[in-house]
Amino acid sequence: MRHGAATHHDCRPPPSRRAFALLIGVRAPYQTAWGRGFDGRMTALGLQISARSAFRAVLAAGLLVMLGANLPGHLSYDSVAQLYEGHFHLRETWGPALYAWILGVFDGFIPGTALYVTASAALFYASLASLSDLRSRTSWLAVAVTAPMMLIP
């Protein structure tokens, strides 16, 4: 390469082509999935989001909404009695001793049921997220079905 020779950086495209470079270029960041060929990923703003990632993101958002709406938890009389038993380490009811013990362990870290509800919900939503690993490919239909399901109380 000679020092005085023009390179491809010196040749600028006309202004009309530069204005649409973000939309119609070969590696344009604003192209949709249909612009580059559909491979199961949604492409917008240079991000590639798979259906599996979107499915898990919807589940994570559903977990946060559920925790925001339900913490510290709703307790029946039996649950309150078992929380009492777990907190004070004594048996007064016919309820399962294991449940009272688990409530007592969580109550030892943070008094009340918020930590237990959070751990139980995280376990449940993690099991739902793991359903996408049963198949090699996750459909966008899973995201479309999961999103309204997260709104069910």
Protein backbone atom coordinates (compact mmCIF):
# COMPACT_ATOMS: atom_id res chain seq x y z
CA MET A 1 0.00 0.00 0.00
CA ARG A 2 1.36 3.38 -0.96
CA HIS A 3 1.12 6.35 1.36
CA GLY A 4 -0.67 8.61 -1.12
CA ALA A 5 -3.14 5.99 -2.40
CA ALA A 6 -6.86 6.35 -1.64
CA THR A 7 -8.44 3.68 0.53
CA HIS A 8 -12.05 2.61 0.90
CA HIS A 9 -12.30 4.97 3.92
CA ASP A 10 -11.69 7.97 1.67
CA CYS A 11 -14.66 7.20 -0.60
CA ARG A 12 -17.84 8.28 1.17
CA PRO A 13 -21.26 7.08 -0.03
CA PRO A 14 -23.72 9.72 -1.23
CA PRO A 15 -25.79 11.38 1.55
CA SER A 16 -28.96 9.49 0.62
CA ARG A 17 -27.24 6.13 1.18
CA ARG A 18 -25.70 7.28 4.49
CA ALA A 19 -29.13 8.31 5.82
CA PHE A 20 -30.50 4.81 5.35
CA ALA A 21 -27.35 2.91 6.33
CA LEU A 22 -28.84 2.04 9.72
CA LEU A 23 -31.83 0.45 8.01
CA ILE A 24 -30.60 -1.18 4.82
CA GLY A 25 -26.91 -1.93 5.38
CA VAL A 26 -25.58 -5.47 5.41
CA ARG A 27 -24.90 -5.30 9.16
CA ALA A 28 -27.50 -2.63 9.93
CA PRO A 29 -28.43 -2.62 13.63
CA TYR A 30 -32.08 -1.70 13.04
CA GLN A 31 -32.96 -4.54 10.67
CA THR A 32 -35.72 -6.91 11.70
CA ALA A 33 -35.48 -10.68 11.77
CA TRP A 34 -37.08 -10.86 8.35
CA GLY A 35 -34.38 -8.61 6.86
CA ARG A 36 -31.56 -11.06 7.55
CA GLY A 37 -33.43 -14.30 7.28
CA PHE A 38 -35.48 -15.90 10.03
CA ASP A 39 -33.50 -18.21 12.26
CA GLY A 40 -35.67 -18.23 15.37
CA ARG A 41 -34.18 -15.04 16.79
CA MET A 42 -35.70 -11.59 16.90
CA THR A 43 -33.21 -8.95 15.82
CA ALA A 44 -33.81 -5.31 16.63
CA LEU A 45 -31.41 -2.55 17.63
CA GLY A 46 -28.54 -4.98 17.15
CA LEU A 47 -29.85 -7.38 19.83
CA GLN A 48 -30.49 -11.01 19.14
CA ILE A 49 -33.12 -12.40 21.48
CA SER A 50 -34.01 -16.05 21.25
CA ALA A 51 -37.48 -17.32 22.06
CA ARG A 52 -36.01 -19.21 25.03
CA SER A 53 -34.51 -16.01 26.47
CA ALA A 54 -37.75 -14.12 25.93
CA PHE A 55 -39.70 -16.96 27.60
CA ARG A 56 -37.43 -16.81 30.64
CA ALA A 57 -37.61 -13.01 30.74
CA VAL A 58 -41.42 -13.16 30.75
CA LEU A 59 -41.28 -15.68 33.60
CA ALA A 60 -38.86 -13.49 35.56
CA ALA A 61 -41.15 -10.49 35.09
CA GLY A 62 -44.10 -12.63 36.21
CA LEU A 63 -42.18 -13.68 39.32
CA LEU A 64 -41.47 -10.06 40.23
CA VAL A 65 -45.09 -9.02 39.65
CA MET A 66 -46.34 -11.95 41.72
CA LEU A 67 -43.96 -11.15 44.59
CA GLY A 68 -44.88 -7.48 44.46
CA ALA A 69 -48.56 -8.31 44.70
CA ASN A 70 -48.37 -11.09 47.30
CA LEU A 71 -45.58 -10.37 49.76
CA PRO A 72 -45.40 -10.94 52.70
CA GLY A 73 -47.84 -13.76 51.95
CA HIS A 74 -51.40 -14.77 52.75
CA LEU A 75 -51.75 -17.13 55.70
CA SER A 76 -54.63 -19.28 56.84
CA TYR A 77 -55.04 -20.18 60.49
CA ASP A 78 -53.11 -23.43 59.99
CA SER A 79 -50.17 -21.61 58.42
CA VAL A 80 -50.07 -19.04 61.22
CA ALA A 81 -50.12 -21.86 63.78
CA GLN A 82 -47.27 -23.65 62.00
CA LEU A 83 -45.28 -20.43 61.74
CA TYR A 84 -45.74 -20.05 65.51
CA GLU A 85 -44.59 -23.66 66.04
CA GLY A 86 -41.57 -23.19 63.80
CA HIS A 87 -40.60 -19.91 65.44
CA PHE A 88 -40.82 -21.22 69.02
CA HIS A 89 -39.83 -24.86 68.25
CA LEU A 90 -42.83 -26.50 69.86
CA ARG A 91 -45.67 -28.72 68.66
CA GLU A 92 -49.29 -27.75 69.37
CA THR A 93 -51.22 -28.75 66.24
CA TRP A 94 -51.65 -31.80 64.03
CA GLY A 95 -50.06 -30.04 61.04
CA PRO A 96 -46.99 -31.47 59.31
CA ALA A 97 -43.92 -31.02 61.48
CA LEU A 98 -41.67 -30.59 58.43
CA TYR A 99 -43.64 -27.56 57.21
CA ALA A 100 -43.44 -25.93 60.64
CA TRP A 101 -39.69 -26.62 60.75
CA ILE A 102 -39.14 -25.11 57.24
CA LEU A 103 -41.14 -22.02 58.19
CA GLY A 104 -39.07 -21.77 61.37
CA VAL A 105 -35.79 -21.95 59.42
CA PHE A 106 -36.85 -19.14 57.08
CA ASP A 107 -38.30 -17.19 60.02
CA GLY A 108 -34.89 -17.39 61.72
CA PHE A 109 -33.30 -15.39 58.88
CA ILE A 110 -36.06 -12.83 58.34
CA PRO A 111 -39.08 -12.83 60.68
CA GLY A 112 -42.34 -13.56 58.89
CA THR A 113 -43.10 -15.47 55.73
CA ALA A 114 -41.67 -13.17 53.02
CA LEU A 115 -38.43 -15.13 52.60
CA TYR A 116 -40.30 -18.45 52.49
CA VAL A 117 -42.77 -17.12 49.89
CA THR A 118 -39.89 -15.74 47.80
CA ALA A 119 -37.94 -19.03 47.93
CA SER A 120 -41.03 -21.11 47.11
CA ALA A 121 -41.98 -18.82 44.21
CA ALA A 122 -38.41 -18.81 42.87
CA LEU A 123 -38.36 -22.62 42.95
CA PHE A 124 -41.71 -22.78 41.14
CA TYR A 125 -40.77 -20.25 38.46
CA ALA A 126 -37.35 -21.89 37.96
CA SER A 127 -39.14 -25.18 37.32
CA LEU A 128 -41.36 -23.43 34.75
CA ALA A 129 -38.28 -21.91 33.09
CA SER A 130 -36.63 -25.32 32.92
CA LEU A 131 -39.50 -26.59 30.76
CA SER A 132 -37.89 -24.81 27.81
CA ASP A 133 -34.86 -27.09 28.18
CA LEU A 134 -36.92 -30.21 27.43
CA ARG A 135 -36.73 -29.47 23.70
CA SER A 136 -33.82 -28.22 21.64
CA ARG A 137 -35.86 -25.32 20.22
CA THR A 138 -38.34 -23.02 21.93
CA SER A 139 -41.15 -21.52 19.90
CA TRP A 140 -42.28 -17.90 20.08
CA LEU A 141 -45.71 -19.38 20.79
CA ALA A 142 -44.41 -20.24 24.28
CA VAL A 143 -43.77 -16.54 24.90
CA ALA A 144 -47.20 -15.57 23.55
CA VAL A 145 -48.93 -18.14 25.79
CA THR A 146 -46.82 -17.42 28.89
CA ALA A 147 -47.24 -13.63 28.89
CA PRO A 148 -51.02 -13.60 29.55
CA MET A 149 -50.65 -16.49 31.99
CA MET A 150 -48.42 -14.33 34.17
CA LEU A 151 -51.35 -11.95 34.65
CA ILE A 152 -53.61 -14.63 36.14
CA PRO A 153 -53.77 -14.15 39.94
